C-alpha atoms as a PDB file:
ATOM      1  CA  MET A   1     -14.111   3.476  -3.478  1.00  0.00           C
ATOM      2  CA  ARG A   2     -10.549   2.963  -4.686  1.00  0.00           C
ATOM      3  CA  THR A   3      -9.323   2.668  -1.087  1.00  0.00           C
ATOM      4  CA  MET A   4     -11.937  -0.037  -0.429  1.00  0.00           C
ATOM      5  CA  LYS A   5     -10.807  -1.966  -3.521  1.00  0.00           C
ATOM      6  CA  ARG A   6      -7.184  -1.722  -2.413  1.00  0.00           C
ATOM      7  CA  SER A   7      -8.091  -2.822   1.110  1.00  0.00           C
ATOM      8  CA  LEU A   8     -10.054  -5.787  -0.217  1.00  0.00           C
ATOM      9  CA  ALA A   9      -7.223  -6.745  -2.600  1.00  0.00           C
ATOM     10  CA  LEU A  10      -4.651  -6.521   0.223  1.00  0.00           C
ATOM     11  CA  ALA A  11      -6.918  -8.551   2.523  1.00  0.00           C
ATOM     12  CA  ALA A  12      -7.411 -11.193  -0.161  1.00  0.00           C
ATOM     13  CA  SER A  13      -3.674 -11.379  -0.753  1.00  0.00           C
ATOM     14  CA  ALA A  14      -2.982 -11.692   2.942  1.00  0.00           C
ATOM     15  CA  VAL A  15      -5.534 -14.444   3.339  1.00  0.00           C
ATOM     16  CA  ALA A  16      -4.118 -16.304   0.329  1.00  0.00           C
ATOM     17  CA  VAL A  17      -0.564 -16.026   1.659  1.00  0.00           C
ATOM     18  CA  ALA A  18      -1.684 -17.110   5.113  1.00  0.00           C
ATOM     19  CA  GLY A  19      -3.510 -20.091   3.612  1.00  0.00           C
ATOM     20  CA  ILE A  20      -0.515 -21.111   1.565  1.00  0.00           C
ATOM     21  CA  THR A  21       1.800 -20.746   4.548  1.00  0.00           C
ATOM     22  CA  PHE A  22      -0.528 -22.696   6.826  1.00  0.00           C
ATOM     23  CA  ALA A  23      -1.267 -25.465   4.359  1.00  0.00           C
ATOM     24  CA  GLY A  24       2.332 -25.660   3.131  1.00  0.00           C
ATOM     25  CA  VAL A  25       1.070 -26.072  -0.392  1.00  0.00           C
ATOM     26  CA  ALA A  26       2.309 -23.965  -3.290  1.00  0.00           C
ATOM     27  CA  PRO A  27      -0.232 -23.222  -5.982  1.00  0.00           C
ATOM     28  CA  ALA A  28       0.629 -23.544  -9.676  1.00  0.00           C
ATOM     29  CA  THR A  29       1.145 -19.796  -9.837  1.00  0.00           C
ATOM     30  CA  ALA A  30       3.632 -19.792  -6.941  1.00  0.00           C
ATOM     31  CA  ALA A  31       6.777 -17.746  -7.448  1.00  0.00           C
ATOM     32  CA  PRO A  32       9.962 -19.542  -8.517  1.00  0.00           C
ATOM     33  CA  ALA A  33      12.529 -20.541  -5.934  1.00  0.00           C
ATOM     34  CA  LYS A  34      14.656 -17.467  -6.665  1.00  0.00           C
ATOM     35  CA  THR A  35      12.216 -15.041  -5.005  1.00  0.00           C
ATOM     36  CA  ALA A  36      12.749 -13.274  -1.717  1.00  0.00           C
ATOM     37  CA  ALA A  37      10.504 -15.708   0.197  1.00  0.00           C
ATOM     38  CA  ALA A  38      12.555 -18.657  -0.968  1.00  0.00           C
ATOM     39  CA  LYS A  39      15.760 -16.916   0.024  1.00  0.00           C
ATOM     40  CA  GLY A  40      14.486 -16.383   3.565  1.00  0.00           C
ATOM     41  CA  ARG A  41      13.739 -12.679   3.169  1.00  0.00           C
ATOM     42  CA  ASN A  42      10.605 -11.203   4.664  1.00  0.00           C
ATOM     43  CA  CYS A  43       9.408  -8.193   2.700  1.00  0.00           C
ATOM     44  CA  ASP A  44       6.047  -7.969   4.408  1.00  0.00           C
ATOM     45  CA  ASP A  45       7.084  -4.968   6.547  1.00  0.00           C
ATOM     46  CA  TYR A  46       7.834  -2.945   3.429  1.00  0.00           C
ATOM     47  CA  LEU A  47       4.596  -4.052   1.832  1.00  0.00           C
ATOM     48  CA  LEU A  48       2.445  -3.175   4.842  1.00  0.00           C
ATOM     49  CA  ARG A  49       4.078   0.192   5.380  1.00  0.00           C
ATOM     50  CA  TRP A  50       3.790   0.977   1.636  1.00  0.00           C
ATOM     51  CA  LYS A  51       0.094   0.105   1.607  1.00  0.00           C
ATOM     52  CA  LYS A  52      -0.473   2.122   4.806  1.00  0.00           C
ATOM     53  CA  HIS A  53       1.017   5.252   3.262  1.00  0.00           C
ATOM     54  CA  ALA A  54      -0.901   4.682   0.008  1.00  0.00           C
ATOM     55  CA  ASN A  55      -4.152   4.400   1.951  1.00  0.00           C
ATOM     56  CA  GLU A  56      -3.336   7.544   3.935  1.00  0.00           C
ATOM     57  CA  ALA A  57      -2.680   9.431   0.663  1.00  0.00           C
ATOM     58  CA  ASP A  58      -6.102   8.265  -0.600  1.00  0.00           C
ATOM     59  CA  LYS A  59      -7.740   9.414   2.629  1.00  0.00           C
ATOM     60  CA  PHE A  60      -6.200  12.877   2.376  1.00  0.00           C
ATOM     61  CA  GLN A  61      -7.138  13.098  -1.300  1.00  0.00           C
ATOM     62  CA  ALA A  62     -10.744  12.438  -0.360  1.00  0.00           C
ATOM     63  CA  LEU A  63     -10.579  15.111   2.403  1.00  0.00           C
ATOM     64  CA  TYR A  64      -9.046  17.552  -0.080  1.00  0.00           C
ATOM     65  CA  ALA A  65     -11.754  16.859  -2.657  1.00  0.00           C
ATOM     66  CA  ALA A  66     -14.517  17.258  -0.097  1.00  0.00           C
ATOM     67  CA  GLU A  67     -13.098  20.581   1.100  1.00  0.00           C
ATOM     68  CA  ALA A  68     -12.467  21.808  -2.440  1.00  0.00           C
ATOM     69  CA  HIS A  69     -16.086  21.159  -3.438  1.00  0.00           C
ATOM     70  CA  LYS A  70     -17.485  23.347  -0.653  1.00  0.00           C
ATOM     71  CA  SER A  71     -18.927  26.684  -1.669  1.00  0.00           C
ATOM     72  CA  HIS A  72     -16.288  28.446   0.456  1.00  0.00           C
ATOM     73  CA  PRO A  73     -13.323  26.084   0.848  1.00  0.00           C
ATOM     74  CA  ASP A  74     -10.825  26.736   3.639  1.00  0.00           C
ATOM     75  CA  ARG A  75      -7.551  27.485   1.874  1.00  0.00           C
ATOM     76  CA  ALA A  76      -5.481  26.586   4.949  1.00  0.00           C
ATOM     77  CA  LYS A  77      -7.067  23.138   5.075  1.00  0.00           C
ATOM     78  CA  LEU A  78      -6.508  22.658   1.357  1.00  0.00           C
ATOM     79  CA  GLU A  79      -2.816  23.531   1.722  1.00  0.00           C
ATOM     80  CA  ALA A  80      -2.453  21.213   4.724  1.00  0.00           C
ATOM     81  CA  TYR A  81      -4.170  18.332   2.875  1.00  0.00           C
ATOM     82  CA  GLU A  82      -2.034  18.935  -0.198  1.00  0.00           C
ATOM     83  CA  ALA A  83       1.177  18.857   1.874  1.00  0.00           C
ATOM     84  CA  GLN A  84       0.071  15.669   3.619  1.00  0.00           C
ATOM     85  CA  ILE A  85      -0.823  14.064   0.278  1.00  0.00           C
ATOM     86  CA  LYS A  86       2.645  14.857  -1.112  1.00  0.00           C
ATOM     87  CA  TYR A  87       4.321  13.446   2.025  1.00  0.00           C
ATOM     88  CA  GLU A  88       2.275  10.231   1.954  1.00  0.00           C
ATOM     89  CA  VAL A  89       2.836   9.699  -1.779  1.00  0.00           C
ATOM     90  CA  ARG A  90       6.612  10.221  -1.426  1.00  0.00           C
ATOM     91  CA  ALA A  91       6.712   7.823   1.529  1.00  0.00           C
ATOM     92  CA  ALA A  92       4.630   5.241  -0.367  1.00  0.00           C
ATOM     93  CA  ASP A  93       6.872   5.534  -3.450  1.00  0.00           C
ATOM     94  CA  ALA A  94      10.019   5.091  -1.381  1.00  0.00           C
ATOM     95  CA  LEU A  95       8.603   2.053   0.404  1.00  0.00           C
ATOM     96  CA  HIS A  96       7.418   0.604  -2.882  1.00  0.00           C
ATOM     97  CA  ALA A  97      10.969   0.878  -4.223  1.00  0.00           C
ATOM     98  CA  ASP A  98      12.368  -0.708  -1.040  1.00  0.00           C
ATOM     99  CA  TYR A  99       9.784  -3.507  -1.339  1.00  0.00           C
ATOM    100  CA  ASP A 100      10.784  -4.163  -4.965  1.00  0.00           C
ATOM    101  CA  LYS A 101      14.481  -4.216  -3.993  1.00  0.00           C
ATOM    102  CA  CYS A 102      13.731  -6.657  -1.172  1.00  0.00           C
ATOM    103  CA  ARG A 103      11.801  -8.984  -3.459  1.00  0.00           C
ATOM    104  CA  LYS A 104      14.455  -8.961  -6.141  1.00  0.00           C
ATOM    105  CA  GLY A 105      17.218  -9.563  -3.669  1.00  0.00           C
END
């Protein structure tokens, strides 16, 4: 459920950004001229990669929960899922930090 909400939020943001870019109109809530977009930086790559890793972490958390709730969970699968969750969360956190740095300039 949380993954679907994130996906919808990301899609809505992407559509809004695309609409603003296409129309060339800045809404009243547009960022000030000091932001990364105004300085010619494109932080979308960081954002997309960050969201991809966050979604992957959510997917593996769901797999972990499903396996853990079985009457006889497979310990090897649980360990593999846990390791993958840790990797995806670390990667997402690092990309989030890079995205914030990019936006701040």
